């Protein structure tokens, strides 16, 4: 893979527009879920479910959890953490990769990782999935492979951790969660792993003839 060096942007165009689209879709979910069930229309349902539509492989990665509900289906509050975490991670790590790769390559990488996450979910889970987490996990893997020795500060951990170990740790947590399926856990762990695996494979292909690694 070749790298194009340019002045770093805090909000490069692909990351900026991806965040904007995700936020606008989330606001639309808040407005239209109570009456029209928008999330159920754009979330990714299993192929065996009558609500499945092929385009959901795309739309699910721009939708996020909107409302908390209790066991009898009553709304108990708005969900902020899902989109907040995903968009922060997309900005934090995605902007660096986009500044290195350029907008077009970054966007292609992001979308392919999201599709890989969706396919992994269809193969392993029977629930509806929403969220950019799978694509974001692909971005995290790409960052860890491209800048493996960059030190990161992780919440609740008082010492810096190199990116490669942080990413491996996150993948291990998802693998554990996917295999053991803790009761009450509604995280699509295998979608995360699918996005991570897709990002790993795609970056290996792109780097096949160029083994330079940035540190």
Foldseek 3Di string as FASTA:
>chain_A
DAWDADPADLQPDQLVVLLVLLVVQLVVCQVPCVPPVVCLQLWAAAPPDPSHDVCSLPSQASYDAFFDADPVGHTDGGDDPQSVVLSVLCSVQVSVVCNTHPNVVSNVLLSQQSSQLSVQLNVQHRGTGHHNLSSSLLSLLVSCFQQVQDWDDDPPDPDTDGSVVVSVVVLVVLVVCSVPVDPPDPDSSRSNVRSNVSSVVVVCVVCVPPVDGDD
